[in-house]
Amino acid sequence: MTRLLFPRGLIDLALCAIMLVACPPAALSWPERPVRLIVPAPAGSSLDVVARSLSEKLWPVWERPVIVENKPGAGGLIGVDVAAKSPPDGYVLALGFNGPLAFAPFLYSAMPYDPTRDLAPVILASSQPNVLAMTAVLPARSVRSLVAWAKSQPARSLSYASIGSGSSSHLAMELFVRQAGLAAMHVPYQGSPAAALSVARGETHMLFAVASGVMPQVQSGQVRLLAVTSAQRFRGLEHLPTLSESGFPGFVAEAWNGLVVASATPASVVERINADAARVLSSPEVRTRFRALGMAPGGGTPGAFRTLIESEIARGGPVIRAANIRSE
């Protein structure tokens, strides 16, 4: 049998070529410096908890600091815009959520960025149902009794807080009050800590927010939880009925968040961030931490996250138009 002999140098070149195809240069060298993680919500919010959990675990993986920067305001637009306008190299990530990634184009007449054109989805970080939280000052103990109490009050005396105009917190409540036949005044806040505090003090009557955002006030006895907005009862909150069980069939309004980068970021870098973040999100420690906060850990491909965003655009747009919700 004839053996083909190749020069050693040619073999080395071939091996290098194979390595470059498997791991493009951008992915091999990234990251070479600290990575910024922009959180478009205040410190102490549920979004901040997710970001700091990712930062803590990605820092040793990347052997580079992952610096969390809180930039709240304008319903999340300010923070997400930082990522949209950053150099497309993967060194600036944003932890976006429903509002700035899916709902904002329907809320604002002018946007600083186009979510579908200027941002590349990387990975879903977490999802969780909203909980219907009510000030403990009110006598109601269920969704039905809350609605009955609200209908017995003078017109437009009911108010509700949200974590920001155009957030899932806001849209869930708009859908709820419309289906319940109520009239309520919306009082937006920047993030869940301030919104939850307003309900605890009785300054507003109710709020849709993720459980972690209101749990301190629940534990202090100032806020009462009535229901969850998931399709089925949620793990860790099984004692709470769904809105569907409470007289609102088909009512589903979940909050979610995930990492995005500037749209022209090399695909190899996006895949690298996705793979490393997916490992972090699947770790027992992170999963336990998220579950304790009422969150379902995320994961999946960039394509799957893009599909989720597109489905939220299709779902949220009609609700915003019907309610004539605007933010300027």
C-alpha atoms as a PDB file:
ATOM      1  CA  MET A   1       0.000   0.000   0.000  1.00  0.00           C
ATOM      2  CA  THR A   2       1.371   3.400  -0.994  1.00  0.00           C
ATOM      3  CA  ARG A   3       1.790   5.876   1.849  1.00  0.00           C
ATOM      4  CA  LEU A   4       1.424   9.588   1.130  1.00  0.00           C
ATOM      5  CA  LEU A   5       3.926  11.697   3.000  1.00  0.00           C
ATOM      6  CA  PHE A   6       3.326  15.402   3.618  1.00  0.00           C
ATOM      7  CA  PRO A   7       5.883  17.911   4.860  1.00  0.00           C
ATOM      8  CA  ARG A   8       5.541  18.621   8.578  1.00  0.00           C
ATOM      9  CA  GLY A   9       5.047  22.352   7.895  1.00  0.00           C
ATOM     10  CA  LEU A  10       2.098  21.616   5.609  1.00  0.00           C
ATOM     11  CA  ILE A  11       0.479  19.456   8.288  1.00  0.00           C
ATOM     12  CA  ASP A  12       0.870  22.266  10.846  1.00  0.00           C
ATOM     13  CA  LEU A  13      -0.741  24.738   8.458  1.00  0.00           C
ATOM     14  CA  ALA A  14      -3.651  22.371   7.892  1.00  0.00           C
ATOM     15  CA  LEU A  15      -4.188  21.952  11.650  1.00  0.00           C
ATOM     16  CA  CYS A  16      -4.133  25.721  12.140  1.00  0.00           C
ATOM     17  CA  ALA A  17      -6.710  26.130   9.398  1.00  0.00           C
ATOM     18  CA  ILE A  18      -8.985  23.581  11.067  1.00  0.00           C
ATOM     19  CA  MET A  19      -8.672  25.393  14.402  1.00  0.00           C
ATOM     20  CA  LEU A  20      -9.515  28.736  12.822  1.00  0.00           C
ATOM     21  CA  VAL A  21     -12.643  27.295  11.215  1.00  0.00           C
ATOM     22  CA  ALA A  22     -13.757  25.704  14.497  1.00  0.00           C
ATOM     23  CA  CYS A  23     -12.976  28.806  16.574  1.00  0.00           C
ATOM     24  CA  PRO A  24     -12.814  32.043  14.526  1.00  0.00           C
ATOM     25  CA  PRO A  25     -10.158  34.552  15.659  1.00  0.00           C
ATOM     26  CA  ALA A  26     -12.715  36.848  17.328  1.00  0.00           C
ATOM     27  CA  ALA A  27     -13.975  34.048  19.564  1.00  0.00           C
ATOM     28  CA  LEU A  28     -10.439  32.806  20.359  1.00  0.00           C
ATOM     29  CA  SER A  29      -9.250  36.203  21.568  1.00  0.00           C
ATOM     30  CA  TRP A  30     -12.434  37.492  23.188  1.00  0.00           C
ATOM     31  CA  PRO A  31     -12.503  38.838  25.882  1.00  0.00           C
ATOM     32  CA  GLU A  32      -9.234  40.721  26.116  1.00  0.00           C
ATOM     33  CA  ARG A  33     -10.501  43.409  28.506  1.00  0.00           C
ATOM     34  CA  PRO A  34     -13.308  43.983  31.029  1.00  0.00           C
ATOM     35  CA  VAL A  35     -16.898  43.527  29.902  1.00  0.00           C
ATOM     36  CA  ARG A  36     -19.649  46.006  30.822  1.00  0.00           C
ATOM     37  CA  LEU A  37     -23.112  44.685  31.676  1.00  0.00           C
ATOM     38  CA  ILE A  38     -25.706  47.458  31.487  1.00  0.00           C
ATOM     39  CA  VAL A  39     -28.817  47.040  33.649  1.00  0.00           C
ATOM     40  CA  PRO A  40     -31.661  49.360  32.572  1.00  0.00           C
ATOM     41  CA  ALA A  41     -33.171  49.241  36.066  1.00  0.00           C
ATOM     42  CA  PRO A  42     -32.194  50.425  39.549  1.00  0.00           C
ATOM     43  CA  ALA A  43     -29.932  48.591  41.983  1.00  0.00           C
ATOM     44  CA  GLY A  44     -31.956  46.187  44.099  1.00  0.00           C
ATOM     45  CA  SER A  45     -34.488  45.440  41.367  1.00  0.00           C
ATOM     46  CA  SER A  46     -35.144  41.880  40.178  1.00  0.00           C
ATOM     47  CA  LEU A  47     -33.277  42.686  36.958  1.00  0.00           C
ATOM     48  CA  ASP A  48     -30.284  43.819  39.000  1.00  0.00           C
ATOM     49  CA  VAL A  49     -30.272  40.494  40.869  1.00  0.00           C
ATOM     50  CA  VAL A  50     -30.128  38.583  37.570  1.00  0.00           C
ATOM     51  CA  ALA A  51     -27.328  40.777  36.243  1.00  0.00           C
ATOM     52  CA  ARG A  52     -25.184  40.440  39.361  1.00  0.00           C
ATOM     53  CA  SER A  53     -25.663  36.673  39.390  1.00  0.00           C
ATOM     54  CA  LEU A  54     -24.402  36.512  35.792  1.00  0.00           C
ATOM     55  CA  SER A  55     -21.537  38.896  36.520  1.00  0.00           C
ATOM     56  CA  GLU A  56     -20.391  36.901  39.540  1.00  0.00           C
ATOM     57  CA  LYS A  57     -20.217  33.638  37.577  1.00  0.00           C
ATOM     58  CA  LEU A  58     -18.944  34.934  34.213  1.00  0.00           C
ATOM     59  CA  TRP A  59     -16.028  36.856  35.756  1.00  0.00           C
ATOM     60  CA  PRO A  60     -13.980  33.672  36.525  1.00  0.00           C
ATOM     61  CA  VAL A  61     -15.009  32.038  33.238  1.00  0.00           C
ATOM     62  CA  TRP A  62     -13.771  34.957  31.160  1.00  0.00           C
ATOM     63  CA  GLU A  63     -10.921  35.827  33.528  1.00  0.00           C
ATOM     64  CA  ARG A  64     -11.931  39.441  33.064  1.00  0.00           C
ATOM     65  CA  PRO A  65     -14.089  41.716  35.227  1.00  0.00           C
ATOM     66  CA  VAL A  66     -17.777  41.849  34.300  1.00  0.00           C
ATOM     67  CA  ILE A  67     -18.804  45.290  35.518  1.00  0.00           C
ATOM     68  CA  VAL A  68     -22.501  45.851  36.270  1.00  0.00           C
ATOM     69  CA  GLU A  69     -23.706  49.387  35.517  1.00  0.00           C
ATOM     70  CA  ASN A  70     -27.232  50.429  36.505  1.00  0.00           C
ATOM     71  CA  LYS A  71     -28.727  52.917  34.049  1.00  0.00           C
ATOM     72  CA  PRO A  72     -32.482  53.140  34.754  1.00  0.00           C
ATOM     73  CA  GLY A  73     -34.904  55.520  33.117  1.00  0.00           C
ATOM     74  CA  ALA A  74     -37.311  55.943  30.198  1.00  0.00           C
ATOM     75  CA  GLY A  75     -38.767  52.465  30.644  1.00  0.00           C
ATOM     76  CA  GLY A  76     -35.394  50.823  30.063  1.00  0.00           C
ATOM     77  CA  LEU A  77     -34.531  52.742  26.883  1.00  0.00           C
ATOM     78  CA  ILE A  78     -31.598  54.636  28.389  1.00  0.00           C
ATOM     79  CA  GLY A  79     -29.706  51.516  29.414  1.00  0.00           C
ATOM     80  CA  VAL A  80     -30.441  49.433  26.337  1.00  0.00           C
ATOM     81  CA  ASP A  81     -29.484  52.348  24.095  1.00  0.00           C
ATOM     82  CA  VAL A  82     -25.955  52.203  25.529  1.00  0.00           C
ATOM     83  CA  ALA A  83     -25.539  48.693  24.119  1.00  0.00           C
ATOM     84  CA  ALA A  84     -27.234  49.543  20.826  1.00  0.00           C
ATOM     85  CA  LYS A  85     -24.790  52.399  20.187  1.00  0.00           C
ATOM     86  CA  SER A  86     -21.651  50.673  21.488  1.00  0.00           C
ATOM     87  CA  PRO A  87     -18.925  49.279  19.201  1.00  0.00           C
ATOM     88  CA  PRO A  88     -20.067  45.857  17.941  1.00  0.00           C
ATOM     89  CA  ASP A  89     -17.374  43.867  19.717  1.00  0.00           C
ATOM     90  CA  GLY A  90     -19.238  42.178  22.581  1.00  0.00           C
ATOM     91  CA  TYR A  91     -17.670  44.271  25.341  1.00  0.00           C
ATOM     92  CA  VAL A  92     -20.948  46.039  26.176  1.00  0.00           C
ATOM     93  CA  LEU A  93     -23.910  43.813  27.028  1.00  0.00           C
ATOM     94  CA  ALA A  94     -27.355  44.932  28.142  1.00  0.00           C
ATOM     95  CA  LEU A  95     -29.856  42.918  30.135  1.00  0.00           C
ATOM     96  CA  GLY A  96     -32.969  43.924  28.228  1.00  0.00           C
ATOM     97  CA  PHE A  97     -36.555  42.980  29.039  1.00  0.00           C
ATOM     98  CA  ASN A  98     -40.048  43.081  27.505  1.00  0.00           C
ATOM     99  CA  GLY A  99     -40.364  46.878  27.501  1.00  0.00           C
ATOM    100  CA  PRO A 100     -37.247  48.144  25.699  1.00  0.00           C
ATOM    101  CA  LEU A 101     -36.912  45.054  23.483  1.00  0.00           C
ATOM    102  CA  ALA A 102     -40.512  44.472  22.355  1.00  0.00           C
ATOM    103  CA  PHE A 103     -43.029  47.068  23.536  1.00  0.00           C
ATOM    104  CA  ALA A 104     -41.179  50.382  23.244  1.00  0.00           C
ATOM    105  CA  PRO A 105     -41.716  50.958  19.485  1.00  0.00           C
ATOM    106  CA  PHE A 106     -45.482  51.043  20.134  1.00  0.00           C
ATOM    107  CA  LEU A 107     -45.118  53.424  23.084  1.00  0.00           C
ATOM    108  CA  TYR A 108     -42.799  56.140  21.803  1.00  0.00           C
ATOM    109  CA  SER A 109     -43.171  58.367  18.745  1.00  0.00           C
ATOM    110  CA  ALA A 110     -39.365  58.540  18.525  1.00  0.00           C
ATOM    111  CA  MET A 111     -36.941  55.799  19.546  1.00  0.00           C
ATOM    112  CA  PRO A 112     -33.186  56.215  20.125  1.00  0.00           C
ATOM    113  CA  TYR A 113     -32.632  52.771  18.591  1.00  0.00           C
ATOM    114  CA  ASP A 114     -34.500  50.119  16.620  1.00  0.00           C
ATOM    115  CA  PRO A 115     -34.705  46.920  18.717  1.00  0.00           C
ATOM    116  CA  THR A 116     -34.839  44.582  15.735  1.00  0.00           C
ATOM    117  CA  ARG A 117     -32.217  46.397  13.654  1.00  0.00           C
ATOM    118  CA  ASP A 118     -29.692  47.687  16.197  1.00  0.00           C
ATOM    119  CA  LEU A 119     -29.554  44.811  18.690  1.00  0.00           C
ATOM    120  CA  ALA A 120     -28.549  41.162  18.467  1.00  0.00           C
ATOM    121  CA  PRO A 121     -30.266  38.785  20.933  1.00  0.00           C
ATOM    122  CA  VAL A 122     -27.779  36.579  22.814  1.00  0.00           C
ATOM    123  CA  ILE A 123     -29.661  34.504  25.390  1.00  0.00           C
ATOM    124  CA  LEU A 124     -32.778  34.475  27.546  1.00  0.00           C
ATOM    125  CA  ALA A 125     -31.598  34.994  31.136  1.00  0.00           C
ATOM    126  CA  SER A 126     -34.789  34.387  33.119  1.00  0.00           C
ATOM    127  CA  SER A 127     -38.547  34.452  32.922  1.00  0.00           C
ATOM    128  CA  GLN A 128     -41.135  34.689  35.618  1.00  0.00           C
ATOM    129  CA  PRO A 129     -44.797  35.373  36.057  1.00  0.00           C
ATOM    130  CA  ASN A 130     -45.963  38.623  37.511  1.00  0.00           C
ATOM    131  CA  VAL A 131     -47.803  38.421  40.806  1.00  0.00           C
ATOM    132  CA  LEU A 132     -50.845  40.534  41.571  1.00  0.00           C
ATOM    133  CA  ALA A 133     -49.835  42.412  44.718  1.00  0.00           C
ATOM    134  CA  MET A 134     -52.289  44.472  46.764  1.00  0.00           C
ATOM    135  CA  THR A 135     -51.816  46.829  49.688  1.00  0.00           C
ATOM    136  CA  ALA A 136     -52.694  45.060  52.936  1.00  0.00           C
ATOM    137  CA  VAL A 137     -54.736  48.121  53.922  1.00  0.00           C
ATOM    138  CA  LEU A 138     -57.566  46.834  51.706  1.00  0.00           C
ATOM    139  CA  PRO A 139     -59.896  44.101  52.996  1.00  0.00           C
ATOM    140  CA  ALA A 140     -59.756  41.903  49.874  1.00  0.00           C
ATOM    141  CA  ARG A 141     -58.287  38.392  50.144  1.00  0.00           C
ATOM    142  CA  SER A 142     -58.769  37.186  46.571  1.00  0.00           C
ATOM    143  CA  VAL A 143     -58.897  38.536  43.032  1.00  0.00           C
ATOM    144  CA  ARG A 144     -62.678  38.324  42.982  1.00  0.00           C
ATOM    145  CA  SER A 145     -63.035  40.206  46.275  1.00  0.00           C
ATOM    146  CA  LEU A 146     -60.556  42.849  45.063  1.00  0.00           C
ATOM    147  CA  VAL A 147     -62.635  43.429  41.934  1.00  0.00           C
ATOM    148  CA  ALA A 148     -65.842  43.560  43.994  1.00  0.00           C
ATOM    149  CA  TRP A 149     -64.287  46.095  46.396  1.00  0.00           C
ATOM    150  CA  ALA A 150     -62.985  48.247  43.525  1.00  0.00           C
ATOM    151  CA  LYS A 151     -66.420  48.345  41.877  1.00  0.00           C
ATOM    152  CA  SER A 152     -67.972  49.524  45.143  1.00  0.00           C
ATOM    153  CA  GLN A 153     -65.714  52.589  45.299  1.00  0.00           C
ATOM    154  CA  PRO A 154     -66.248  56.015  43.721  1.00  0.00           C
ATOM    155  CA  ALA A 155     -65.292  56.294  40.052  1.00  0.00           C
ATOM    156  CA  ARG A 156     -61.556  56.440  39.358  1.00  0.00           C
ATOM    157  CA  SER A 157     -60.583  56.179  43.023  1.00  0.00           C
ATOM    158  CA  LEU A 158     -58.575  53.033  42.242  1.00  0.00           C
ATOM    159  CA  SER A 159     -54.870  53.408  41.425  1.00  0.00           C
ATOM    160  CA  TYR A 160     -52.092  51.025  40.485  1.00  0.00           C
ATOM    161  CA  ALA A 161     -48.320  51.239  40.415  1.00  0.00           C
ATOM    162  CA  SER A 162     -46.057  49.827  37.722  1.00  0.00           C
ATOM    163  CA  ILE A 163     -42.299  49.410  37.398  1.00  0.00           C
ATOM    164  CA  GLY A 164     -42.396  51.753  34.397  1.00  0.00           C
ATOM    165  CA  SER A 165     -44.569  52.842  31.493  1.00  0.00           C
ATOM    166  CA  GLY A 166     -44.736  50.146  28.853  1.00  0.00           C
ATOM    167  CA  SER A 167     -43.297  47.430  31.082  1.00  0.00           C
ATOM    168  CA  SER A 168     -44.906  44.011  31.407  1.00  0.00           C
ATOM    169  CA  SER A 169     -45.999  45.256  34.846  1.00  0.00           C
ATOM    170  CA  HIS A 170     -47.910  48.107  33.179  1.00  0.00           C
ATOM    171  CA  LEU A 171     -49.403  46.123  30.293  1.00  0.00           C
ATOM    172  CA  ALA A 172     -50.513  43.254  32.530  1.00  0.00           C
ATOM    173  CA  MET A 173     -52.462  45.680  34.712  1.00  0.00           C
ATOM    174  CA  GLU A 174     -54.012  47.449  31.732  1.00  0.00           C
ATOM    175  CA  LEU A 175     -55.229  44.090  30.478  1.00  0.00           C
ATOM    176  CA  PHE A 176     -56.505  43.155  33.931  1.00  0.00           C
ATOM    177  CA  VAL A 177     -58.467  46.346  34.646  1.00  0.00           C
ATOM    178  CA  ARG A 178     -60.039  46.250  31.179  1.00  0.00           C
ATOM    179  CA  GLN A 179     -61.137  42.637  31.524  1.00  0.00           C
ATOM    180  CA  ALA A 180     -62.422  43.348  35.046  1.00  0.00           C
ATOM    181  CA  GLY A 181     -64.362  46.393  33.892  1.00  0.00           C
ATOM    182  CA  LEU A 182     -62.506  48.756  36.232  1.00  0.00           C
ATOM    183  CA  ALA A 183     -61.205  52.303  35.847  1.00  0.00           C
ATOM    184  CA  ALA A 184     -57.847  52.889  37.497  1.00  0.00           C
ATOM    185  CA  MET A 185     -55.162  55.547  37.521  1.00  0.00           C
ATOM    186  CA  HIS A 186     -51.671  54.447  36.490  1.00  0.00           C
ATOM    187  CA  VAL A 187     -48.719  55.637  38.608  1.00  0.00           C
ATOM    188  CA  PRO A 188     -45.398  54.602  36.999  1.00  0.00           C
ATOM    189  CA  TYR A 189     -42.175  54.228  38.977  1.00  0.00           C
ATOM    190  CA  GLN A 190     -38.589  53.495  37.994  1.00  0.00           C
ATOM    191  CA  GLY A 191     -38.227  49.881  38.997  1.00  0.00           C
ATOM    192  CA  SER A 192     -39.860  47.468  41.422  1.00  0.00           C
ATOM    193  CA  PRO A 193     -38.413  48.779  44.737  1.00  0.00           C
ATOM    194  CA  ALA A 194     -40.161  52.157  44.451  1.00  0.00           C
ATOM    195  CA  ALA A 195     -43.358  50.662  43.014  1.00  0.00           C
ATOM    196  CA  ALA A 196     -43.583  48.037  45.767  1.00  0.00           C
ATOM    197  CA  LEU A 197     -42.982  50.672  48.439  1.00  0.00           C
ATOM    198  CA  SER A 198     -45.892  52.766  47.113  1.00  0.00           C
ATOM    199  CA  VAL A 199     -48.235  49.776  47.448  1.00  0.00           C
ATOM    200  CA  ALA A 200     -46.882  48.940  50.903  1.00  0.00           C
ATOM    201  CA  ARG A 201     -47.609  52.489  52.058  1.00  0.00           C
ATOM    202  CA  GLY A 202     -51.084  52.451  50.540  1.00  0.00           C
ATOM    203  CA  GLU A 203     -50.200  55.285  48.141  1.00  0.00           C
ATOM    204  CA  THR A 204     -51.339  52.999  45.315  1.00  0.00           C
ATOM    205  CA  HIS A 205     -53.655  50.022  45.643  1.00  0.00           C
ATOM    206  CA  MET A 206     -52.111  47.286  43.531  1.00  0.00           C
ATOM    207  CA  LEU A 207     -49.229  46.251  41.327  1.00  0.00           C
ATOM    208  CA  PHE A 208     -48.172  43.534  38.934  1.00  0.00           C
ATOM    209  CA  ALA A 209     -44.494  42.713  39.469  1.00  0.00           C
ATOM    210  CA  VAL A 210     -42.223  39.695  39.727  1.00  0.00           C
ATOM    211  CA  ALA A 211     -42.359  38.066  43.157  1.00  0.00           C
ATOM    212  CA  SER A 212     -38.812  39.005  44.153  1.00  0.00           C
ATOM    213  CA  GLY A 213     -39.644  42.676  43.652  1.00  0.00           C
ATOM    214  CA  VAL A 214     -42.358  42.677  46.330  1.00  0.00           C
ATOM    215  CA  MET A 215     -41.300  39.885  48.686  1.00  0.00           C
ATOM    216  CA  PRO A 216     -39.791  42.173  51.380  1.00  0.00           C
ATOM    217  CA  GLN A 217     -43.120  44.016  51.667  1.00  0.00           C
ATOM    218  CA  VAL A 218     -45.019  40.707  51.679  1.00  0.00           C
ATOM    219  CA  GLN A 219     -42.835  39.379  54.501  1.00  0.00           C
ATOM    220  CA  SER A 220     -43.406  42.568  56.500  1.00  0.00           C
ATOM    221  CA  GLY A 221     -47.175  42.136  56.144  1.00  0.00           C
ATOM    222  CA  GLN A 222     -47.660  45.384  54.199  1.00  0.00           C
ATOM    223  CA  VAL A 223     -48.491  43.720  50.870  1.00  0.00           C
ATOM    224  CA  ARG A 224     -50.708  40.750  50.065  1.00  0.00           C
ATOM    225  CA  LEU A 225     -50.276  38.490  47.008  1.00  0.00           C
ATOM    226  CA  LEU A 226     -53.441  37.341  45.243  1.00  0.00           C
ATOM    227  CA  ALA A 227     -52.512  35.505  42.034  1.00  0.00           C
ATOM    228  CA  VAL A 228     -49.870  34.774  39.391  1.00  0.00           C
ATOM    229  CA  THR A 229     -50.006  35.523  35.663  1.00  0.00           C
ATOM    230  CA  SER A 230     -48.541  32.242  34.402  1.00  0.00           C
ATOM    231  CA  ALA A 231     -50.626  29.656  32.561  1.00  0.00           C
ATOM    232  CA  GLN A 232     -50.167  27.166  35.442  1.00  0.00           C
ATOM    233  CA  ARG A 233     -49.329  27.613  39.093  1.00  0.00           C
ATOM    234  CA  PHE A 234     -45.686  28.561  39.407  1.00  0.00           C
ATOM    235  CA  ARG A 235     -43.046  26.513  41.186  1.00  0.00           C
ATOM    236  CA  GLY A 236     -42.336  28.052  44.570  1.00  0.00           C
ATOM    237  CA  LEU A 237     -45.606  30.004  44.502  1.00  0.00           C
ATOM    238  CA  GLU A 238     -47.991  27.060  44.303  1.00  0.00           C
ATOM    239  CA  HIS A 239     -50.214  28.552  47.002  1.00  0.00           C
ATOM    240  CA  LEU A 240     -51.185  31.365  44.614  1.00  0.00           C
ATOM    241  CA  PRO A 241     -53.924  30.690  42.039  1.00  0.00           C
ATOM    242  CA  THR A 242     -53.469  31.799  38.454  1.00  0.00           C
ATOM    243  CA  LEU A 243     -55.508  34.669  37.032  1.00  0.00           C
ATOM    244  CA  SER A 244     -57.222  32.054  34.869  1.00  0.00           C
ATOM    245  CA  GLU A 245     -58.372  30.224  38.003  1.00  0.00           C
ATOM    246  CA  SER A 246     -59.498  33.532  39.475  1.00  0.00           C
ATOM    247  CA  GLY A 247     -62.079  34.377  36.855  1.00  0.00           C
ATOM    248  CA  PHE A 248     -59.884  35.581  33.960  1.00  0.00           C
ATOM    249  CA  PRO A 249     -59.552  32.628  31.564  1.00  0.00           C
ATOM    250  CA  GLY A 250     -56.458  32.649  29.366  1.00  0.00           C
ATOM    251  CA  PHE A 251     -54.813  35.541  31.208  1.00  0.00           C
ATOM    252  CA  VAL A 252     -51.028  35.113  30.787  1.00  0.00           C
ATOM    253  CA  ALA A 253     -48.505  37.936  31.163  1.00  0.00           C
ATOM    254  CA  GLU A 254     -44.970  36.875  32.022  1.00  0.00           C
ATOM    255  CA  ALA A 255     -41.888  39.016  32.477  1.00  0.00           C
ATOM    256  CA  TRP A 256     -38.599  37.993  30.885  1.00  0.00           C
ATOM    257  CA  ASN A 257     -35.127  39.360  30.355  1.00  0.00           C
ATOM    258  CA  GLY A 258     -32.027  38.486  28.390  1.00  0.00           C
ATOM    259  CA  LEU A 259     -28.653  39.599  27.115  1.00  0.00           C
ATOM    260  CA  VAL A 260     -28.340  41.670  23.946  1.00  0.00           C
ATOM    261  CA  VAL A 261     -25.386  43.276  22.151  1.00  0.00           C
ATOM    262  CA  ALA A 262     -24.936  45.683  19.254  1.00  0.00           C
ATOM    263  CA  SER A 263     -26.286  44.080  16.090  1.00  0.00           C
ATOM    264  CA  ALA A 264     -23.034  43.895  14.089  1.00  0.00           C
ATOM    265  CA  THR A 265     -21.203  41.956  16.799  1.00  0.00           C
ATOM    266  CA  PRO A 266     -19.435  38.951  15.176  1.00  0.00           C
ATOM    267  CA  ALA A 267     -21.536  35.813  15.335  1.00  0.00           C
ATOM    268  CA  SER A 268     -18.611  33.926  16.868  1.00  0.00           C
ATOM    269  CA  VAL A 269     -18.544  36.338  19.828  1.00  0.00           C
ATOM    270  CA  VAL A 270     -22.337  36.132  20.252  1.00  0.00           C
ATOM    271  CA  GLU A 271     -22.063  32.332  20.293  1.00  0.00           C
ATOM    272  CA  ARG A 272     -19.221  32.472  22.825  1.00  0.00           C
ATOM    273  CA  ILE A 273     -21.245  34.689  25.200  1.00  0.00           C
ATOM    274  CA  ASN A 274     -24.298  32.497  24.685  1.00  0.00           C
ATOM    275  CA  ALA A 275     -22.429  29.263  25.461  1.00  0.00           C
ATOM    276  CA  ASP A 276     -20.766  30.629  28.596  1.00  0.00           C
ATOM    277  CA  ALA A 277     -23.948  32.280  29.881  1.00  0.00           C
ATOM    278  CA  ALA A 278     -25.916  29.078  29.221  1.00  0.00           C
ATOM    279  CA  ARG A 279     -23.494  27.108  31.389  1.00  0.00           C
ATOM    280  CA  VAL A 280     -23.830  29.678  34.171  1.00  0.00           C
ATOM    281  CA  LEU A 281     -27.639  29.638  33.970  1.00  0.00           C
ATOM    282  CA  SER A 282     -27.704  25.837  34.132  1.00  0.00           C
ATOM    283  CA  SER A 283     -25.455  25.646  37.199  1.00  0.00           C
ATOM    284  CA  PRO A 284     -27.188  24.297  40.337  1.00  0.00           C
ATOM    285  CA  GLU A 285     -26.251  27.383  42.394  1.00  0.00           C
ATOM    286  CA  VAL A 286     -27.771  29.877  39.940  1.00  0.00           C
ATOM    287  CA  ARG A 287     -30.846  27.747  39.339  1.00  0.00           C
ATOM    288  CA  THR A 288     -31.438  27.459  43.092  1.00  0.00           C
ATOM    289  CA  ARG A 289     -30.946  31.207  43.561  1.00  0.00           C
ATOM    290  CA  PHE A 290     -33.350  32.093  40.755  1.00  0.00           C
ATOM    291  CA  ARG A 291     -35.993  29.591  41.871  1.00  0.00           C
ATOM    292  CA  ALA A 292     -35.875  31.035  45.390  1.00  0.00           C
ATOM    293  CA  LEU A 293     -36.676  34.423  43.868  1.00  0.00           C
ATOM    294  CA  GLY A 294     -39.601  33.100  41.827  1.00  0.00           C
ATOM    295  CA  MET A 295     -37.664  33.092  38.548  1.00  0.00           C
ATOM    296  CA  ALA A 296     -37.278  30.348  35.947  1.00  0.00           C
ATOM    297  CA  PRO A 297     -33.638  30.247  34.748  1.00  0.00           C
ATOM    298  CA  GLY A 298     -33.257  30.879  31.031  1.00  0.00           C
ATOM    299  CA  GLY A 299     -31.023  29.447  28.344  1.00  0.00           C
ATOM    300  CA  GLY A 300     -31.372  28.448  24.697  1.00  0.00           C
ATOM    301  CA  THR A 301     -29.889  29.772  21.485  1.00  0.00           C
ATOM    302  CA  PRO A 302     -29.727  33.344  20.191  1.00  0.00           C
ATOM    303  CA  GLY A 303     -32.313  32.314  17.593  1.00  0.00           C
ATOM    304  CA  ALA A 304     -34.717  31.092  20.255  1.00  0.00           C
ATOM    305  CA  PHE A 305     -34.402  34.380  22.121  1.00  0.00           C
ATOM    306  CA  ARG A 306     -35.060  36.288  18.902  1.00  0.00           C
ATOM    307  CA  THR A 307     -38.218  34.235  18.341  1.00  0.00           C
ATOM    308  CA  LEU A 308     -39.440  35.087  21.854  1.00  0.00           C
ATOM    309  CA  ILE A 309     -38.894  38.810  21.260  1.00  0.00           C
ATOM    310  CA  GLU A 310     -40.758  38.647  17.944  1.00  0.00           C
ATOM    311  CA  SER A 311     -43.694  36.826  19.584  1.00  0.00           C
ATOM    312  CA  GLU A 312     -43.866  39.496  22.315  1.00  0.00           C
ATOM    313  CA  ILE A 313     -43.897  42.241  19.680  1.00  0.00           C
ATOM    314  CA  ALA A 314     -46.834  40.518  18.002  1.00  0.00           C
ATOM    315  CA  ARG A 315     -48.661  40.036  21.327  1.00  0.00           C
ATOM    316  CA  GLY A 316     -47.947  43.369  22.985  1.00  0.00           C
ATOM    317  CA  GLY A 317     -48.559  45.705  20.069  1.00  0.00           C
ATOM    318  CA  PRO A 318     -52.328  45.169  19.875  1.00  0.00           C
ATOM    319  CA  VAL A 319     -52.728  45.605  23.670  1.00  0.00           C
ATOM    320  CA  ILE A 320     -50.827  48.881  23.636  1.00  0.00           C
ATOM    321  CA  ARG A 321     -52.806  50.221  20.685  1.00  0.00           C
ATOM    322  CA  ALA A 322     -56.153  49.170  22.181  1.00  0.00           C
ATOM    323  CA  ALA A 323     -55.340  50.868  25.476  1.00  0.00           C
ATOM    324  CA  ASN A 324     -53.876  53.898  23.679  1.00  0.00           C
ATOM    325  CA  ILE A 325     -50.795  53.755  25.921  1.00  0.00           C
ATOM    326  CA  ARG A 326     -48.151  56.371  25.103  1.00  0.00           C
ATOM    327  CA  SER A 327     -44.865  57.291  26.760  1.00  0.00           C
ATOM    328  CA  GLU A 328     -42.871  60.359  25.850  1.00  0.00           C
END
